[in-house]
Amino acid sequence: MPVIKAIVTAGGTSRRFGVGNKLLEDLNGKPVIKYSVDLFTEMGFEVIIPAHHSFIPEMEELFKDYSNVRIIQGGLTRQQSVYRGLKTAEWCDYVIIHDGARPLIKRETVEKCLEKAYEKRAAIVAVHTTDTIKTVDMHKKITGTPLRTNLVNVQTPQIFDYRLILDAHESHLECSMTDDSCLVEAYGTDVYYVEGEYSNIKITNQIDMDYAKLLLESHL
């Protein structure tokens, strides 16, 4: 069996959310970040959480009874935080990278993404774009309308062969990308996707939190 570890990102300051850290906000009786961490630990994976330094004490308190959760200090950017997580996750075969602000990820989606990663070395979760997308220039002029059939909205988890994603990060240390699959693409390796769920939202503001509560109550 391959050794799998999960990196759950928690390095942001939640500026767009408002007061407090959105990952520690109560979501129907449980802090937001605990949903994904609990899922990964229940699946038997060690979880590494690169956290913003100001929230490390609270994260350590939240997960003090978890034997397979490690809290480390994140970097100045998401990319730096993930890289620190990768360096901590040495001696594994595959790494799951997931946004701590996506609490509604489903086990079957993780399993589907893992199967694709086993086959292709690099797999992400995505859903087809439902809105019409426009490209624009700096003057706010519309420059094009890509076909929706060729567009997907990228989510997490993103799962990679450990050596591949580590090499991709180390080859682009001076960049600042918000998506790990971009690094793998830039490294020259193909990335594949599996269908996710539209309910796998990322909590950015209070409206997202309210929507997540409704989704949980609807058992979606």
N, C-alpha and C. Protein backbone atom coordinates (compact mmCIF):
# COMPACT_ATOMS: atom_id res chain seq x y z
N MET A 1 0.84 -1.20 0.00
CA MET A 1 0.00 0.00 0.00
C MET A 1 0.87 1.25 0.00
N PRO A 2 0.55 2.21 -0.85
CA PRO A 2 1.34 3.46 -0.86
C PRO A 2 1.14 4.25 0.43
N VAL A 3 2.17 4.96 0.82
CA VAL A 3 2.10 5.84 1.97
C VAL A 3 1.57 7.19 1.49
N ILE A 4 0.48 7.64 2.11
CA ILE A 4 -0.18 8.88 1.70
C ILE A 4 -0.25 9.84 2.87
N LYS A 5 0.09 11.09 2.63
CA LYS A 5 -0.03 12.13 3.64
C LYS A 5 -0.83 13.29 3.05
N ALA A 6 -1.47 14.03 3.92
CA ALA A 6 -2.30 15.16 3.49
C ALA A 6 -1.77 16.46 4.07
N ILE A 7 -1.74 17.47 3.23
CA ILE A 7 -1.41 18.83 3.66
C ILE A 7 -2.69 19.65 3.59
N VAL A 8 -3.13 20.16 4.72
CA VAL A 8 -4.33 20.98 4.77
C VAL A 8 -3.89 22.41 5.04
N THR A 9 -4.06 23.28 4.06
CA THR A 9 -3.52 24.64 4.16
C THR A 9 -4.32 25.50 5.13
N ALA A 10 -3.59 26.24 5.95
CA ALA A 10 -4.21 27.13 6.95
C ALA A 10 -3.33 28.33 7.20
N GLY A 11 -2.64 28.78 6.15
CA GLY A 11 -1.64 29.84 6.34
C GLY A 11 -2.14 31.25 6.16
N GLY A 12 -3.42 31.40 5.75
CA GLY A 12 -3.95 32.74 5.51
C GLY A 12 -4.38 33.45 6.78
N THR A 13 -4.75 34.71 6.60
CA THR A 13 -5.19 35.52 7.75
C THR A 13 -6.68 35.81 7.72
N SER A 14 -7.39 35.28 6.71
CA SER A 14 -8.86 35.44 6.60
C SER A 14 -9.28 36.90 6.52
N ARG A 15 -8.50 37.72 5.83
CA ARG A 15 -8.83 39.15 5.72
C ARG A 15 -10.19 39.38 5.09
N ARG A 16 -10.53 38.60 4.07
CA ARG A 16 -11.79 38.82 3.37
C ARG A 16 -12.99 38.31 4.16
N PHE A 17 -12.73 37.45 5.15
CA PHE A 17 -13.83 36.90 5.93
C PHE A 17 -14.34 37.90 6.96
N GLY A 18 -13.42 38.70 7.50
CA GLY A 18 -13.81 39.66 8.53
C GLY A 18 -13.09 39.35 9.83
N VAL A 19 -13.81 39.43 10.93
CA VAL A 19 -13.21 39.23 12.25
C VAL A 19 -12.93 37.74 12.46
N GLY A 20 -11.73 37.43 13.01
CA GLY A 20 -11.40 36.05 13.35
C GLY A 20 -10.88 35.25 12.18
N ASN A 21 -10.53 34.01 12.46
CA ASN A 21 -10.02 33.08 11.46
C ASN A 21 -11.16 32.20 11.00
N LYS A 22 -11.47 32.24 9.71
CA LYS A 22 -12.62 31.49 9.19
C LYS A 22 -12.47 29.98 9.43
N LEU A 23 -11.23 29.50 9.47
CA LEU A 23 -11.02 28.06 9.67
C LEU A 23 -11.39 27.60 11.07
N LEU A 24 -11.44 28.54 12.01
CA LEU A 24 -11.79 28.21 13.38
C LEU A 24 -13.23 28.58 13.71
N GLU A 25 -13.94 29.14 12.73
CA GLU A 25 -15.34 29.51 12.94
C GLU A 25 -16.21 28.26 13.08
N ASP A 26 -17.23 28.37 13.90
CA ASP A 26 -18.14 27.25 14.11
C ASP A 26 -19.03 27.04 12.88
N LEU A 27 -19.02 25.83 12.36
CA LEU A 27 -19.87 25.46 11.24
C LEU A 27 -20.74 24.28 11.67
N ASN A 28 -21.95 24.59 12.08
CA ASN A 28 -22.89 23.57 12.55
C ASN A 28 -22.28 22.68 13.64
N GLY A 29 -21.61 23.32 14.60
CA GLY A 29 -21.10 22.59 15.75
C GLY A 29 -19.67 22.15 15.70
N LYS A 30 -18.95 22.50 14.62
CA LYS A 30 -17.56 22.06 14.50
C LYS A 30 -16.76 23.11 13.73
N PRO A 31 -15.52 23.40 14.15
CA PRO A 31 -14.71 24.37 13.41
C PRO A 31 -14.53 23.94 11.95
N VAL A 32 -14.50 24.89 11.07
CA VAL A 32 -14.43 24.63 9.63
C VAL A 32 -13.31 23.65 9.28
N ILE A 33 -12.11 23.89 9.78
CA ILE A 33 -10.96 23.07 9.37
C ILE A 33 -11.07 21.63 9.85
N LYS A 34 -11.83 21.39 10.91
CA LYS A 34 -11.92 20.03 11.44
C LYS A 34 -12.63 19.07 10.49
N TYR A 35 -13.49 19.58 9.63
CA TYR A 35 -14.22 18.70 8.72
C TYR A 35 -13.26 17.94 7.80
N SER A 36 -12.37 18.64 7.13
CA SER A 36 -11.45 17.97 6.22
C SER A 36 -10.38 17.19 6.97
N VAL A 37 -9.88 17.76 8.08
CA VAL A 37 -8.86 17.04 8.86
C VAL A 37 -9.44 15.73 9.40
N ASP A 38 -10.66 15.78 9.90
CA ASP A 38 -11.28 14.55 10.40
C ASP A 38 -11.45 13.52 9.29
N LEU A 39 -11.83 13.98 8.10
CA LEU A 39 -12.00 13.05 6.98
C LEU A 39 -10.68 12.35 6.65
N PHE A 40 -9.61 13.13 6.54
CA PHE A 40 -8.32 12.54 6.17
C PHE A 40 -7.77 11.62 7.26
N THR A 41 -7.93 12.00 8.51
CA THR A 41 -7.44 11.12 9.58
C THR A 41 -8.27 9.84 9.65
N GLU A 42 -9.57 9.95 9.41
CA GLU A 42 -10.41 8.75 9.40
C GLU A 42 -10.04 7.81 8.25
N MET A 43 -9.49 8.38 7.18
CA MET A 43 -9.03 7.56 6.05
C MET A 43 -7.65 6.99 6.30
N GLY A 44 -7.05 7.33 7.45
CA GLY A 44 -5.77 6.75 7.83
C GLY A 44 -4.55 7.54 7.42
N PHE A 45 -4.74 8.80 7.02
CA PHE A 45 -3.61 9.60 6.55
C PHE A 45 -3.09 10.52 7.65
N GLU A 46 -1.78 10.68 7.70
CA GLU A 46 -1.20 11.73 8.55
C GLU A 46 -1.52 13.07 7.91
N VAL A 47 -1.85 14.06 8.74
CA VAL A 47 -2.21 15.38 8.24
C VAL A 47 -1.20 16.41 8.74
N ILE A 48 -0.72 17.22 7.83
CA ILE A 48 0.20 18.31 8.15
C ILE A 48 -0.54 19.62 7.88
N ILE A 49 -0.56 20.51 8.86
CA ILE A 49 -1.26 21.78 8.72
C ILE A 49 -0.26 22.93 8.80
N PRO A 50 0.11 23.54 7.66
CA PRO A 50 0.92 24.75 7.71
C PRO A 50 0.01 25.92 8.09
N ALA A 51 0.20 26.45 9.28
CA ALA A 51 -0.72 27.47 9.81
C ALA A 51 -0.03 28.83 9.92
N HIS A 52 -0.82 29.87 9.82
CA HIS A 52 -0.31 31.22 10.07
C HIS A 52 0.18 31.28 11.51
N HIS A 53 1.32 31.93 11.71
CA HIS A 53 1.95 31.89 13.03
C HIS A 53 1.03 32.39 14.14
N SER A 54 0.15 33.35 13.82
CA SER A 54 -0.71 33.91 14.86
C SER A 54 -1.80 32.94 15.32
N PHE A 55 -2.05 31.89 14.54
CA PHE A 55 -3.11 30.95 14.88
C PHE A 55 -2.58 29.58 15.34
N ILE A 56 -1.26 29.44 15.39
CA ILE A 56 -0.69 28.14 15.76
C ILE A 56 -1.15 27.68 17.15
N PRO A 57 -1.14 28.53 18.18
CA PRO A 57 -1.60 28.05 19.50
C PRO A 57 -3.03 27.52 19.46
N GLU A 58 -3.91 28.19 18.73
CA GLU A 58 -5.30 27.73 18.65
C GLU A 58 -5.40 26.42 17.87
N MET A 59 -4.61 26.29 16.82
CA MET A 59 -4.62 25.03 16.06
C MET A 59 -4.08 23.88 16.91
N GLU A 60 -3.03 24.15 17.65
CA GLU A 60 -2.45 23.11 18.51
C GLU A 60 -3.45 22.68 19.58
N GLU A 61 -4.19 23.61 20.11
CA GLU A 61 -5.21 23.27 21.11
C GLU A 61 -6.33 22.46 20.47
N LEU A 62 -6.73 22.85 19.26
CA LEU A 62 -7.83 22.17 18.58
C LEU A 62 -7.50 20.71 18.28
N PHE A 63 -6.24 20.45 17.94
CA PHE A 63 -5.86 19.10 17.53
C PHE A 63 -4.93 18.41 18.54
N LYS A 64 -4.99 18.82 19.79
CA LYS A 64 -4.06 18.29 20.80
C LYS A 64 -4.24 16.80 21.04
N ASP A 65 -5.42 16.26 20.78
CA ASP A 65 -5.67 14.84 21.02
C ASP A 65 -5.51 14.00 19.76
N TYR A 66 -5.01 14.59 18.68
CA TYR A 66 -4.81 13.86 17.42
C TYR A 66 -3.35 13.41 17.33
N SER A 67 -3.13 12.12 17.26
CA SER A 67 -1.76 11.61 17.20
C SER A 67 -1.16 11.73 15.81
N ASN A 68 -2.01 11.88 14.80
CA ASN A 68 -1.51 11.91 13.42
C ASN A 68 -1.73 13.25 12.73
N VAL A 69 -1.74 14.33 13.52
CA VAL A 69 -1.84 15.69 12.97
C VAL A 69 -0.64 16.49 13.45
N ARG A 70 0.04 17.15 12.51
CA ARG A 70 1.20 17.97 12.84
C ARG A 70 0.92 19.41 12.42
N ILE A 71 1.15 20.34 13.32
CA ILE A 71 1.00 21.76 13.03
C ILE A 71 2.39 22.35 12.80
N ILE A 72 2.57 23.01 11.66
CA ILE A 72 3.85 23.67 11.40
C ILE A 72 3.56 25.13 11.02
N GLN A 73 4.59 25.95 11.03
CA GLN A 73 4.40 27.34 10.64
C GLN A 73 4.38 27.45 9.12
N GLY A 74 3.36 28.12 8.60
CA GLY A 74 3.26 28.33 7.16
C GLY A 74 4.19 29.43 6.68
N GLY A 75 4.19 29.64 5.36
CA GLY A 75 5.03 30.67 4.77
C GLY A 75 4.25 31.95 4.53
N LEU A 76 4.88 32.86 3.80
CA LEU A 76 4.25 34.15 3.51
C LEU A 76 3.19 34.02 2.42
N THR A 77 3.30 32.98 1.59
CA THR A 77 2.32 32.72 0.53
C THR A 77 1.82 31.29 0.65
N ARG A 78 0.72 30.99 -0.04
CA ARG A 78 0.21 29.63 -0.04
C ARG A 78 1.26 28.66 -0.58
N GLN A 79 1.95 29.08 -1.65
CA GLN A 79 2.96 28.21 -2.24
C GLN A 79 4.06 27.88 -1.24
N GLN A 80 4.50 28.88 -0.50
CA GLN A 80 5.54 28.64 0.51
C GLN A 80 5.03 27.72 1.61
N SER A 81 3.76 27.90 1.99
CA SER A 81 3.19 27.05 3.04
C SER A 81 3.13 25.60 2.59
N VAL A 82 2.68 25.37 1.36
CA VAL A 82 2.61 24.00 0.84
C VAL A 82 4.01 23.40 0.76
N TYR A 83 4.98 24.19 0.32
CA TYR A 83 6.35 23.68 0.22
C TYR A 83 6.88 23.26 1.59
N ARG A 84 6.59 24.06 2.60
CA ARG A 84 7.01 23.67 3.95
C ARG A 84 6.32 22.37 4.38
N GLY A 85 5.06 22.24 3.98
CA GLY A 85 4.35 21.00 4.27
C GLY A 85 4.96 19.81 3.56
N LEU A 86 5.38 20.02 2.31
CA LEU A 86 6.01 18.94 1.55
C LEU A 86 7.33 18.51 2.18
N LYS A 87 8.11 19.47 2.64
CA LYS A 87 9.38 19.13 3.27
C LYS A 87 9.15 18.36 4.57
N THR A 88 8.06 18.66 5.26
CA THR A 88 7.72 17.95 6.50
C THR A 88 7.20 16.55 6.20
N ALA A 89 6.59 16.38 5.03
CA ALA A 89 5.94 15.11 4.67
C ALA A 89 6.88 14.10 4.02
N GLU A 90 8.15 14.19 4.29
CA GLU A 90 9.11 13.29 3.65
C GLU A 90 8.77 11.82 3.92
N TRP A 91 9.26 10.98 3.02
CA TRP A 91 9.05 9.54 3.13
C TRP A 91 7.58 9.15 2.95
N CYS A 92 7.00 9.64 1.87
CA CYS A 92 5.67 9.17 1.49
C CYS A 92 5.63 9.02 -0.03
N ASP A 93 4.59 8.38 -0.52
CA ASP A 93 4.47 8.12 -1.95
C ASP A 93 3.59 9.16 -2.66
N TYR A 94 2.50 9.53 -2.00
CA TYR A 94 1.57 10.50 -2.58
C TYR A 94 1.20 11.54 -1.52
N VAL A 95 0.93 12.75 -2.02
CA VAL A 95 0.54 13.83 -1.13
C VAL A 95 -0.80 14.40 -1.60
N ILE A 96 -1.72 14.54 -0.64
CA ILE A 96 -3.00 15.20 -0.88
C ILE A 96 -2.85 16.65 -0.40
N ILE A 97 -3.15 17.60 -1.26
CA ILE A 97 -3.10 19.01 -0.87
C ILE A 97 -4.53 19.55 -0.92
N HIS A 98 -4.97 20.07 0.22
CA HIS A 98 -6.37 20.48 0.32
C HIS A 98 -6.49 21.81 1.05
N ASP A 99 -7.43 22.64 0.60
CA ASP A 99 -7.70 23.91 1.27
C ASP A 99 -8.45 23.67 2.57
N GLY A 100 -7.93 24.18 3.66
CA GLY A 100 -8.63 24.05 4.93
C GLY A 100 -9.99 24.71 4.92
N ALA A 101 -10.21 25.63 3.96
CA ALA A 101 -11.47 26.34 3.87
C ALA A 101 -12.50 25.62 3.00
N ARG A 102 -12.22 24.37 2.62
CA ARG A 102 -13.19 23.55 1.89
C ARG A 102 -13.63 22.40 2.80
N PRO A 103 -14.60 22.64 3.67
CA PRO A 103 -14.98 21.62 4.65
C PRO A 103 -15.90 20.52 4.11
N LEU A 104 -16.47 20.70 2.92
CA LEU A 104 -17.52 19.78 2.47
C LEU A 104 -17.04 18.74 1.46
N ILE A 105 -15.74 18.52 1.40
CA ILE A 105 -15.21 17.50 0.51
C ILE A 105 -15.71 16.12 0.94
N LYS A 106 -16.02 15.27 -0.03
CA LYS A 106 -16.56 13.95 0.26
C LYS A 106 -15.50 12.87 0.11
N ARG A 107 -15.63 11.84 0.93
CA ARG A 107 -14.66 10.74 0.91
C ARG A 107 -14.57 10.10 -0.47
N GLU A 108 -15.73 9.89 -1.12
CA GLU A 108 -15.70 9.24 -2.43
C GLU A 108 -14.97 10.08 -3.47
N THR A 109 -15.00 11.40 -3.32
CA THR A 109 -14.26 12.27 -4.23
C THR A 109 -12.76 12.13 -4.01
N VAL A 110 -12.36 12.08 -2.75
CA VAL A 110 -10.94 11.87 -2.43
C VAL A 110 -10.47 10.54 -3.01
N GLU A 111 -11.25 9.50 -2.83
CA GLU A 111 -10.88 8.17 -3.32
C GLU A 111 -10.77 8.16 -4.85
N LYS A 112 -11.69 8.84 -5.51
CA LYS A 112 -11.66 8.92 -6.97
C LYS A 112 -10.42 9.66 -7.46
N CYS A 113 -10.08 10.74 -6.75
CA CYS A 113 -8.89 11.51 -7.12
C CYS A 113 -7.62 10.71 -6.86
N LEU A 114 -7.60 9.95 -5.78
CA LEU A 114 -6.46 9.09 -5.50
C LEU A 114 -6.24 8.07 -6.60
N GLU A 115 -7.31 7.44 -7.06
CA GLU A 115 -7.19 6.44 -8.12
C GLU A 115 -6.59 7.06 -9.38
N LYS A 116 -7.03 8.27 -9.71
CA LYS A 116 -6.48 8.95 -10.88
C LYS A 116 -5.01 9.31 -10.67
N ALA A 117 -4.64 9.71 -9.46
CA ALA A 117 -3.24 10.03 -9.16
C ALA A 117 -2.36 8.79 -9.26
N TYR A 118 -2.86 7.65 -8.80
CA TYR A 118 -2.10 6.40 -8.93
C TYR A 118 -1.80 6.11 -10.40
N GLU A 119 -2.78 6.42 -11.24
CA GLU A 119 -2.65 6.13 -12.67
C GLU A 119 -1.80 7.15 -13.40
N LYS A 120 -1.97 8.45 -13.06
CA LYS A 120 -1.37 9.52 -13.86
C LYS A 120 -0.32 10.35 -13.14
N ARG A 121 -0.14 10.15 -11.84
CA ARG A 121 0.83 10.86 -11.00
C ARG A 121 0.38 12.26 -10.57
N ALA A 122 -0.58 12.84 -11.28
CA ALA A 122 -1.04 14.19 -10.93
C ALA A 122 -2.52 14.30 -11.23
N ALA A 123 -3.34 14.50 -10.18
CA ALA A 123 -4.79 14.55 -10.36
C ALA A 123 -5.38 15.64 -9.48
N ILE A 124 -6.40 16.31 -10.01
CA ILE A 124 -7.09 17.35 -9.25
C ILE A 124 -8.60 17.14 -9.34
N VAL A 125 -9.31 17.79 -8.45
CA VAL A 125 -10.78 17.78 -8.47
C VAL A 125 -11.25 19.07 -9.13
N ALA A 126 -12.24 18.96 -10.01
CA ALA A 126 -12.76 20.13 -10.69
C ALA A 126 -14.22 19.89 -11.08
N VAL A 127 -14.93 20.97 -11.34
CA VAL A 127 -16.30 20.89 -11.83
C VAL A 127 -16.42 21.76 -13.08
N HIS A 128 -17.32 21.39 -13.96
CA HIS A 128 -17.50 22.16 -15.19
C HIS A 128 -18.06 23.55 -14.88
N THR A 129 -17.53 24.53 -15.58
CA THR A 129 -17.98 25.91 -15.42
C THR A 129 -19.42 26.04 -15.92
N THR A 130 -20.25 26.68 -15.14
CA THR A 130 -21.65 26.88 -15.53
C THR A 130 -21.89 28.30 -16.04
N ASP A 131 -21.06 29.25 -15.68
CA ASP A 131 -21.19 30.62 -16.16
C ASP A 131 -20.47 30.80 -17.50
N THR A 132 -20.89 31.77 -18.25
CA THR A 132 -20.14 32.17 -19.43
C THR A 132 -18.93 32.99 -18.97
N ILE A 133 -17.76 32.63 -19.47
CA ILE A 133 -16.52 33.29 -19.06
C ILE A 133 -16.03 34.20 -20.18
N LYS A 134 -15.60 35.39 -19.82
CA LYS A 134 -15.04 36.35 -20.77
C LYS A 134 -13.57 36.61 -20.44
N THR A 135 -12.77 36.78 -21.47
CA THR A 135 -11.42 37.30 -21.26
C THR A 135 -11.48 38.81 -21.50
N VAL A 136 -10.67 39.55 -20.75
CA VAL A 136 -10.70 41.01 -20.83
C VAL A 136 -9.28 41.56 -20.89
N ASP A 137 -9.17 42.81 -21.29
CA ASP A 137 -7.86 43.46 -21.27
C ASP A 137 -7.81 44.49 -20.14
N MET A 138 -6.71 45.20 -20.04
CA MET A 138 -6.51 46.14 -18.93
C MET A 138 -7.47 47.33 -18.98
N HIS A 139 -8.11 47.53 -20.14
CA HIS A 139 -9.06 48.63 -20.28
C HIS A 139 -10.50 48.17 -20.05
N LYS A 140 -10.67 46.94 -19.56
CA LYS A 140 -11.98 46.34 -19.29
C LYS A 140 -12.78 46.05 -20.56
N LYS A 141 -12.06 45.92 -21.66
CA LYS A 141 -12.68 45.55 -22.92
C LYS A 141 -12.75 44.03 -23.02
N ILE A 142 -13.88 43.49 -23.46
CA ILE A 142 -14.02 42.06 -23.67
C ILE A 142 -13.18 41.65 -24.87
N THR A 143 -12.33 40.64 -24.68
CA THR A 143 -11.45 40.21 -25.78
C THR A 143 -11.76 38.82 -26.29
N GLY A 144 -12.62 38.10 -25.60
CA GLY A 144 -12.95 36.77 -26.08
C GLY A 144 -13.91 36.04 -25.17
N THR A 145 -14.51 34.96 -25.70
CA THR A 145 -15.45 34.13 -24.94
C THR A 145 -15.08 32.67 -25.15
N PRO A 146 -14.30 32.09 -24.25
CA PRO A 146 -13.92 30.67 -24.41
C PRO A 146 -15.14 29.77 -24.32
N LEU A 147 -15.07 28.64 -25.00
CA LEU A 147 -16.14 27.65 -24.94
C LEU A 147 -16.23 27.06 -23.54
N ARG A 148 -17.43 27.06 -22.98
CA ARG A 148 -17.61 26.51 -21.63
C ARG A 148 -17.28 25.03 -21.57
N THR A 149 -17.43 24.34 -22.69
CA THR A 149 -17.16 22.90 -22.69
C THR A 149 -15.69 22.60 -22.41
N ASN A 150 -14.84 23.60 -22.60
CA ASN A 150 -13.40 23.42 -22.37
C ASN A 150 -12.94 24.04 -21.06
N LEU A 151 -13.87 24.45 -20.20
CA LEU A 151 -13.51 25.15 -18.96
C LEU A 151 -14.00 24.38 -17.74
N VAL A 152 -13.14 24.32 -16.73
CA VAL A 152 -13.54 23.74 -15.45
C VAL A 152 -13.11 24.68 -14.33
N ASN A 153 -13.85 24.63 -13.23
CA ASN A 153 -13.46 25.35 -12.02
C ASN A 153 -12.66 24.40 -11.15
N VAL A 154 -11.46 24.80 -10.83
CA VAL A 154 -10.56 23.93 -10.08
C VAL A 154 -10.86 24.00 -8.58
N GLN A 155 -10.86 22.84 -7.93
CA GLN A 155 -11.06 22.75 -6.50
C GLN A 155 -9.86 22.03 -5.89
N THR A 156 -9.99 21.68 -4.64
CA THR A 156 -9.08 20.74 -4.01
C THR A 156 -9.95 19.64 -3.40
N PRO A 157 -9.38 18.45 -3.16
CA PRO A 157 -7.95 18.15 -3.11
C PRO A 157 -7.29 18.05 -4.49
N GLN A 158 -5.97 18.24 -4.46
CA GLN A 158 -5.10 17.95 -5.58
C GLN A 158 -4.09 16.93 -5.07
N ILE A 159 -3.90 15.87 -5.82
CA ILE A 159 -3.10 14.74 -5.34
C ILE A 159 -1.98 14.44 -6.32
N PHE A 160 -0.77 14.30 -5.79
CA PHE A 160 0.40 14.13 -6.64
C PHE A 160 1.35 13.07 -6.10
N ASP A 161 2.07 12.47 -7.02
CA ASP A 161 3.25 11.69 -6.64
C ASP A 161 4.17 12.63 -5.84
N TYR A 162 4.65 12.15 -4.70
CA TYR A 162 5.38 13.04 -3.80
C TYR A 162 6.62 13.64 -4.46
N ARG A 163 7.41 12.80 -5.12
CA ARG A 163 8.64 13.30 -5.73
C ARG A 163 8.35 14.32 -6.81
N LEU A 164 7.27 14.09 -7.56
CA LEU A 164 6.89 15.00 -8.64
C LEU A 164 6.53 16.38 -8.09
N ILE A 165 5.66 16.44 -7.11
CA ILE A 165 5.21 17.75 -6.62
C ILE A 165 6.34 18.47 -5.88
N LEU A 166 7.19 17.72 -5.19
CA LEU A 166 8.34 18.35 -4.52
C LEU A 166 9.29 18.96 -5.55
N ASP A 167 9.59 18.21 -6.61
CA ASP A 167 10.47 18.73 -7.66
C ASP A 167 9.84 19.93 -8.35
N ALA A 168 8.53 19.88 -8.58
CA ALA A 168 7.85 21.00 -9.23
C ALA A 168 7.95 22.26 -8.38
N HIS A 169 7.77 22.11 -7.07
CA HIS A 169 7.90 23.26 -6.18
C HIS A 169 9.34 23.79 -6.19
N GLU A 170 10.29 22.90 -6.08
CA GLU A 170 11.69 23.33 -5.98
C GLU A 170 12.19 23.93 -7.28
N SER A 171 11.52 23.63 -8.39
CA SER A 171 11.90 24.23 -9.67
C SER A 171 11.29 25.61 -9.87
N HIS A 172 10.37 25.99 -8.97
CA HIS A 172 9.68 27.28 -9.13
C HIS A 172 9.58 28.00 -7.78
N LEU A 173 10.66 27.99 -7.03
CA LEU A 173 10.63 28.59 -5.70
C LEU A 173 10.43 30.10 -5.74
N GLU A 174 10.78 30.74 -6.84
CA GLU A 174 10.67 32.19 -6.93
C GLU A 174 9.30 32.64 -7.44
N CYS A 175 8.45 31.68 -7.79
CA CYS A 175 7.11 32.02 -8.28
C CYS A 175 6.16 32.17 -7.10
N SER A 176 4.95 32.61 -7.40
CA SER A 176 3.91 32.69 -6.37
C SER A 176 2.59 32.29 -7.01
N MET A 177 2.36 31.00 -7.12
CA MET A 177 1.15 30.48 -7.73
C MET A 177 0.18 30.03 -6.64
N THR A 178 -1.11 30.21 -6.89
CA THR A 178 -2.12 29.85 -5.90
C THR A 178 -2.64 28.44 -6.08
N ASP A 179 -2.14 27.75 -7.09
CA ASP A 179 -2.64 26.42 -7.43
C ASP A 179 -1.45 25.49 -7.69
N ASP A 180 -1.40 24.37 -6.99
CA ASP A 180 -0.25 23.47 -7.12
C ASP A 180 -0.18 22.80 -8.48
N SER A 181 -1.33 22.56 -9.10
CA SER A 181 -1.30 21.92 -10.41
C SER A 181 -0.63 22.82 -11.44
N CYS A 182 -0.68 24.14 -11.26
CA CYS A 182 0.02 25.06 -12.16
C CYS A 182 1.52 24.80 -12.13
N LEU A 183 2.04 24.51 -10.96
CA LEU A 183 3.47 24.23 -10.82
C LEU A 183 3.84 22.95 -11.55
N VAL A 184 2.98 21.95 -11.45
CA VAL A 184 3.25 20.68 -12.12
C VAL A 184 3.17 20.86 -13.63
N GLU A 185 2.19 21.65 -14.10
CA GLU A 185 2.10 21.94 -15.53
C GLU A 185 3.36 22.67 -16.00
N ALA A 186 3.80 23.67 -15.22
CA ALA A 186 5.00 24.44 -15.58
C ALA A 186 6.24 23.55 -15.56
N TYR A 187 6.21 22.52 -14.75
CA TYR A 187 7.32 21.57 -14.65
C TYR A 187 7.36 20.64 -15.87
N GLY A 188 6.26 20.62 -16.62
CA GLY A 188 6.23 19.82 -17.85
C GLY A 188 5.52 18.49 -17.73
N THR A 189 4.73 18.31 -16.67
CA THR A 189 4.02 17.05 -16.47
C THR A 189 2.52 17.28 -16.63
N ASP A 190 1.85 16.36 -17.31
CA ASP A 190 0.41 16.48 -17.52
C ASP A 190 -0.35 16.29 -16.21
N VAL A 191 -1.43 17.04 -16.09
CA VAL A 191 -2.32 16.95 -14.93
C VAL A 191 -3.71 16.55 -15.42
N TYR A 192 -4.36 15.66 -14.70
CA TYR A 192 -5.69 15.18 -15.07
C TYR A 192 -6.69 15.54 -13.97
N TYR A 193 -7.97 15.59 -14.34
CA TYR A 193 -8.96 15.95 -13.34
C TYR A 193 -10.04 14.89 -13.23
N VAL A 194 -10.68 14.86 -12.05
CA VAL A 194 -11.86 14.04 -11.83
C VAL A 194 -13.00 14.98 -11.46
N GLU A 195 -14.22 14.55 -11.75
CA GLU A 195 -15.39 15.37 -11.45
C GLU A 195 -15.60 15.47 -9.94
N GLY A 196 -15.75 16.70 -9.47
CA GLY A 196 -16.06 16.92 -8.07
C GLY A 196 -17.53 17.26 -7.89
N GLU A 197 -17.84 17.96 -6.80
CA GLU A 197 -19.21 18.38 -6.52
C GLU A 197 -19.26 19.90 -6.39
N TYR A 198 -20.35 20.48 -6.85
CA TYR A 198 -20.52 21.93 -6.71
C TYR A 198 -20.67 22.32 -5.24
N SER A 199 -20.99 21.36 -4.39
CA SER A 199 -21.12 21.64 -2.96
C SER A 199 -19.76 21.79 -2.27
N ASN A 200 -18.69 21.44 -2.95
CA ASN A 200 -17.34 21.52 -2.37
C ASN A 200 -16.84 22.96 -2.45
N ILE A 201 -17.54 23.85 -1.78
CA ILE A 201 -17.24 25.28 -1.88
C ILE A 201 -16.06 25.66 -0.99
N LYS A 202 -15.44 26.76 -1.35
CA LYS A 202 -14.38 27.33 -0.52
C LYS A 202 -14.95 28.51 0.25
N ILE A 203 -14.82 28.48 1.56
CA ILE A 203 -15.36 29.55 2.39
C ILE A 203 -14.40 30.73 2.38
N THR A 204 -14.90 31.85 1.83
CA THR A 204 -14.12 33.08 1.77
C THR A 204 -14.74 34.19 2.60
N ASN A 205 -16.08 34.24 2.60
CA ASN A 205 -16.77 35.31 3.32
C ASN A 205 -17.96 34.72 4.09
N GLN A 206 -18.69 35.58 4.77
CA GLN A 206 -19.79 35.11 5.61
C GLN A 206 -20.92 34.49 4.78
N ILE A 207 -21.11 34.96 3.56
CA ILE A 207 -22.14 34.38 2.69
C ILE A 207 -21.80 32.92 2.40
N ASP A 208 -20.52 32.64 2.17
CA ASP A 208 -20.10 31.25 1.95
C ASP A 208 -20.37 30.40 3.18
N MET A 209 -20.14 30.96 4.36
CA MET A 209 -20.39 30.23 5.59
C MET A 209 -21.88 29.90 5.73
N ASP A 210 -22.72 30.86 5.43
CA ASP A 210 -24.16 30.63 5.51
C ASP A 210 -24.59 29.55 4.52
N TYR A 211 -24.00 29.58 3.33
CA TYR A 211 -24.32 28.58 2.30
C TYR A 211 -23.86 27.19 2.74
N ALA A 212 -22.65 27.11 3.33
CA ALA A 212 -22.14 25.83 3.81
C ALA A 212 -23.05 25.24 4.88
N LYS A 213 -23.58 26.09 5.75
CA LYS A 213 -24.50 25.61 6.78
C LYS A 213 -25.75 25.01 6.16
N LEU A 214 -26.26 25.66 5.12
CA LEU A 214 -27.44 25.14 4.43
C LEU A 214 -27.14 23.81 3.74
N LEU A 215 -25.98 23.71 3.14
CA LEU A 215 -25.59 22.47 2.47
C LEU A 215 -25.48 21.32 3.46
N LEU A 216 -24.89 21.59 4.62
CA LEU A 216 -24.77 20.56 5.65
C LEU A 216 -26.14 20.12 6.15
N GLU A 217 -27.00 21.08 6.34
CA GLU A 217 -28.35 20.76 6.83
C GLU A 217 -29.14 19.98 5.80
N SER A 218 -28.78 20.16 4.51
CA SER A 218 -29.47 19.44 3.43
C SER A 218 -28.81 18.10 3.13
N HIS A 219 -27.69 17.81 3.83
CA HIS A 219 -26.93 16.56 3.67
C HIS A 219 -26.41 16.41 2.24
N LEU A 220 -26.02 17.52 1.63
CA LEU A 220 -25.46 17.47 0.28
C LEU A 220 -23.95 17.26 0.33
